[in-house]
């Protein structure tokens, strides 16, 4: 599970056997969410994460959007 970045207790990561479209997993406080990443981020699913933490995770993913795309491309496309 490659970690992309951590911030404010949120861990953004990929699983090593991911598939398109580009997406990122985020964990915080025992919960997890998945955001699809394109021109912006879109919540696809979540489990055990509060609305407040989902909102914060989305903000962080938007802030690091290009980093997420770059890390995906390096890891999955060489």
C-alpha atoms as a PDB file:
ATOM      1  CA  UNK A   1       0.000   0.000   0.000  1.00  0.00           C
ATOM      2  CA  UNK A   2       2.017   2.979  -1.188  1.00  0.00           C
ATOM      3  CA  UNK A   3       1.349   6.065   0.936  1.00  0.00           C
ATOM      4  CA  UNK A   4       1.035   9.247  -1.101  1.00  0.00           C
ATOM      5  CA  UNK A   5       0.977  11.664   1.820  1.00  0.00           C
ATOM      6  CA  UNK A   6      -0.264  12.117   5.368  1.00  0.00           C
ATOM      7  CA  UNK A   7      -1.671  15.310   6.812  1.00  0.00           C
ATOM      8  CA  UNK A   8      -3.715  16.165   9.918  1.00  0.00           C
ATOM      9  CA  UNK A   9      -4.078  12.466  10.767  1.00  0.00           C
ATOM     10  CA  UNK A  10      -5.340  11.531   7.286  1.00  0.00           C
ATOM     11  CA  UNK A  11      -3.400   8.955   5.270  1.00  0.00           C
ATOM     12  CA  UNK A  12      -3.804   9.007   1.499  1.00  0.00           C
ATOM     13  CA  UNK A  13      -2.741   5.832  -0.292  1.00  0.00           C
ATOM     14  CA  UNK A  14      -3.170   3.377  -3.161  1.00  0.00           C
ATOM     15  CA  UNK A  15      -3.394  -0.382  -3.053  1.00  0.00           C
ATOM     16  CA  UNK A  16      -0.723  -2.031  -5.188  1.00  0.00           C
ATOM     17  CA  UNK A  17      -3.291  -3.741  -7.448  1.00  0.00           C
ATOM     18  CA  UNK A  18      -5.381  -0.679  -8.337  1.00  0.00           C
ATOM     19  CA  UNK A  19      -7.434  -0.107 -11.481  1.00  0.00           C
ATOM     20  CA  UNK A  20      -8.543   2.918 -13.457  1.00  0.00           C
ATOM     21  CA  UNK A  21     -10.036   5.443 -13.106  1.00  0.00           C
ATOM     22  CA  UNK A  22      -7.440   7.187 -10.971  1.00  0.00           C
ATOM     23  CA  UNK A  23      -8.630   7.163  -7.371  1.00  0.00           C
ATOM     24  CA  UNK A  24      -7.193   7.495  -3.904  1.00  0.00           C
ATOM     25  CA  UNK A  25      -8.022   5.848  -0.592  1.00  0.00           C
ATOM     26  CA  UNK A  26      -7.923   7.868   2.604  1.00  0.00           C
ATOM     27  CA  UNK A  27      -8.032   6.580   6.162  1.00  0.00           C
ATOM     28  CA  UNK A  28      -8.620   8.475   9.369  1.00  0.00           C
ATOM     29  CA  UNK A  29      -9.739   7.376  12.824  1.00  0.00           C
ATOM     30  CA  UNK A  30     -10.670   3.859  11.767  1.00  0.00           C
ATOM     31  CA  UNK A  31     -12.720   5.019   8.781  1.00  0.00           C
ATOM     32  CA  UNK A  32     -11.884   4.936   5.092  1.00  0.00           C
ATOM     33  CA  UNK A  33     -13.068   6.715   1.964  1.00  0.00           C
ATOM     34  CA  UNK A  34     -12.338   6.519  -1.749  1.00  0.00           C
ATOM     35  CA  UNK A  35     -12.169   9.559  -4.007  1.00  0.00           C
ATOM     36  CA  UNK A  36     -12.053   9.430  -7.794  1.00  0.00           C
ATOM     37  CA  UNK A  37      -9.432  11.841  -9.095  1.00  0.00           C
ATOM     38  CA  UNK A  38      -9.821  13.747 -12.358  1.00  0.00           C
ATOM     39  CA  UNK A  39     -10.091  17.493 -12.887  1.00  0.00           C
ATOM     40  CA  UNK A  40     -11.373  17.503  -9.300  1.00  0.00           C
ATOM     41  CA  UNK A  41     -12.073  14.863  -6.653  1.00  0.00           C
ATOM     42  CA  UNK A  42     -15.347  13.015  -6.238  1.00  0.00           C
ATOM     43  CA  UNK A  43     -16.333  10.882  -3.255  1.00  0.00           C
ATOM     44  CA  UNK A  44     -17.077   7.342  -4.449  1.00  0.00           C
ATOM     45  CA  UNK A  45     -17.567   5.526  -1.133  1.00  0.00           C
ATOM     46  CA  UNK A  46     -16.904   5.772   2.572  1.00  0.00           C
ATOM     47  CA  UNK A  47     -17.112   3.594   5.655  1.00  0.00           C
ATOM     48  CA  UNK A  48     -16.919   4.774   9.248  1.00  0.00           C
ATOM     49  CA  UNK A  49     -15.856   8.343   8.493  1.00  0.00           C
ATOM     50  CA  UNK A  50     -17.845  11.330   9.747  1.00  0.00           C
ATOM     51  CA  UNK A  51     -19.207  13.965   7.374  1.00  0.00           C
ATOM     52  CA  UNK A  52     -16.776  16.454   8.900  1.00  0.00           C
ATOM     53  CA  UNK A  53     -13.797  14.160   8.239  1.00  0.00           C
ATOM     54  CA  UNK A  54     -15.030  13.396   4.714  1.00  0.00           C
ATOM     55  CA  UNK A  55     -15.160  17.115   4.013  1.00  0.00           C
ATOM     56  CA  UNK A  56     -11.636  17.617   5.367  1.00  0.00           C
ATOM     57  CA  UNK A  57     -10.347  14.634   3.364  1.00  0.00           C
ATOM     58  CA  UNK A  58     -11.897  16.056   0.209  1.00  0.00           C
ATOM     59  CA  UNK A  59     -10.265  19.440   0.843  1.00  0.00           C
ATOM     60  CA  UNK A  60      -6.876  17.789   1.354  1.00  0.00           C
ATOM     61  CA  UNK A  61      -7.266  15.680  -1.792  1.00  0.00           C
ATOM     62  CA  UNK A  62      -8.182  18.788  -3.808  1.00  0.00           C
ATOM     63  CA  UNK A  63      -5.159  20.586  -2.396  1.00  0.00           C
ATOM     64  CA  UNK A  64      -2.859  17.706  -3.420  1.00  0.00           C
ATOM     65  CA  UNK A  65      -4.674  16.777  -6.639  1.00  0.00           C
ATOM     66  CA  UNK A  66      -1.618  16.987  -8.911  1.00  0.00           C
ATOM     67  CA  UNK A  67       0.554  15.090  -6.427  1.00  0.00           C
ATOM     68  CA  UNK A  68      -1.990  12.248  -6.361  1.00  0.00           C
ATOM     69  CA  UNK A  69      -2.084  12.073 -10.166  1.00  0.00           C
ATOM     70  CA  UNK A  70       1.704  12.199 -10.414  1.00  0.00           C
ATOM     71  CA  UNK A  71       2.197   9.449  -7.828  1.00  0.00           C
ATOM     72  CA  UNK A  72      -0.425   7.260  -9.555  1.00  0.00           C
ATOM     73  CA  UNK A  73       1.312   7.656 -12.917  1.00  0.00           C
ATOM     74  CA  UNK A  74       4.764   6.903 -11.502  1.00  0.00           C
ATOM     75  CA  UNK A  75       3.576   3.857  -9.543  1.00  0.00           C
ATOM     76  CA  UNK A  76       1.251   2.282 -12.115  1.00  0.00           C
ATOM     77  CA  UNK A  77       2.752   3.479 -15.405  1.00  0.00           C
ATOM     78  CA  UNK A  78       6.439   3.426 -14.503  1.00  0.00           C
END
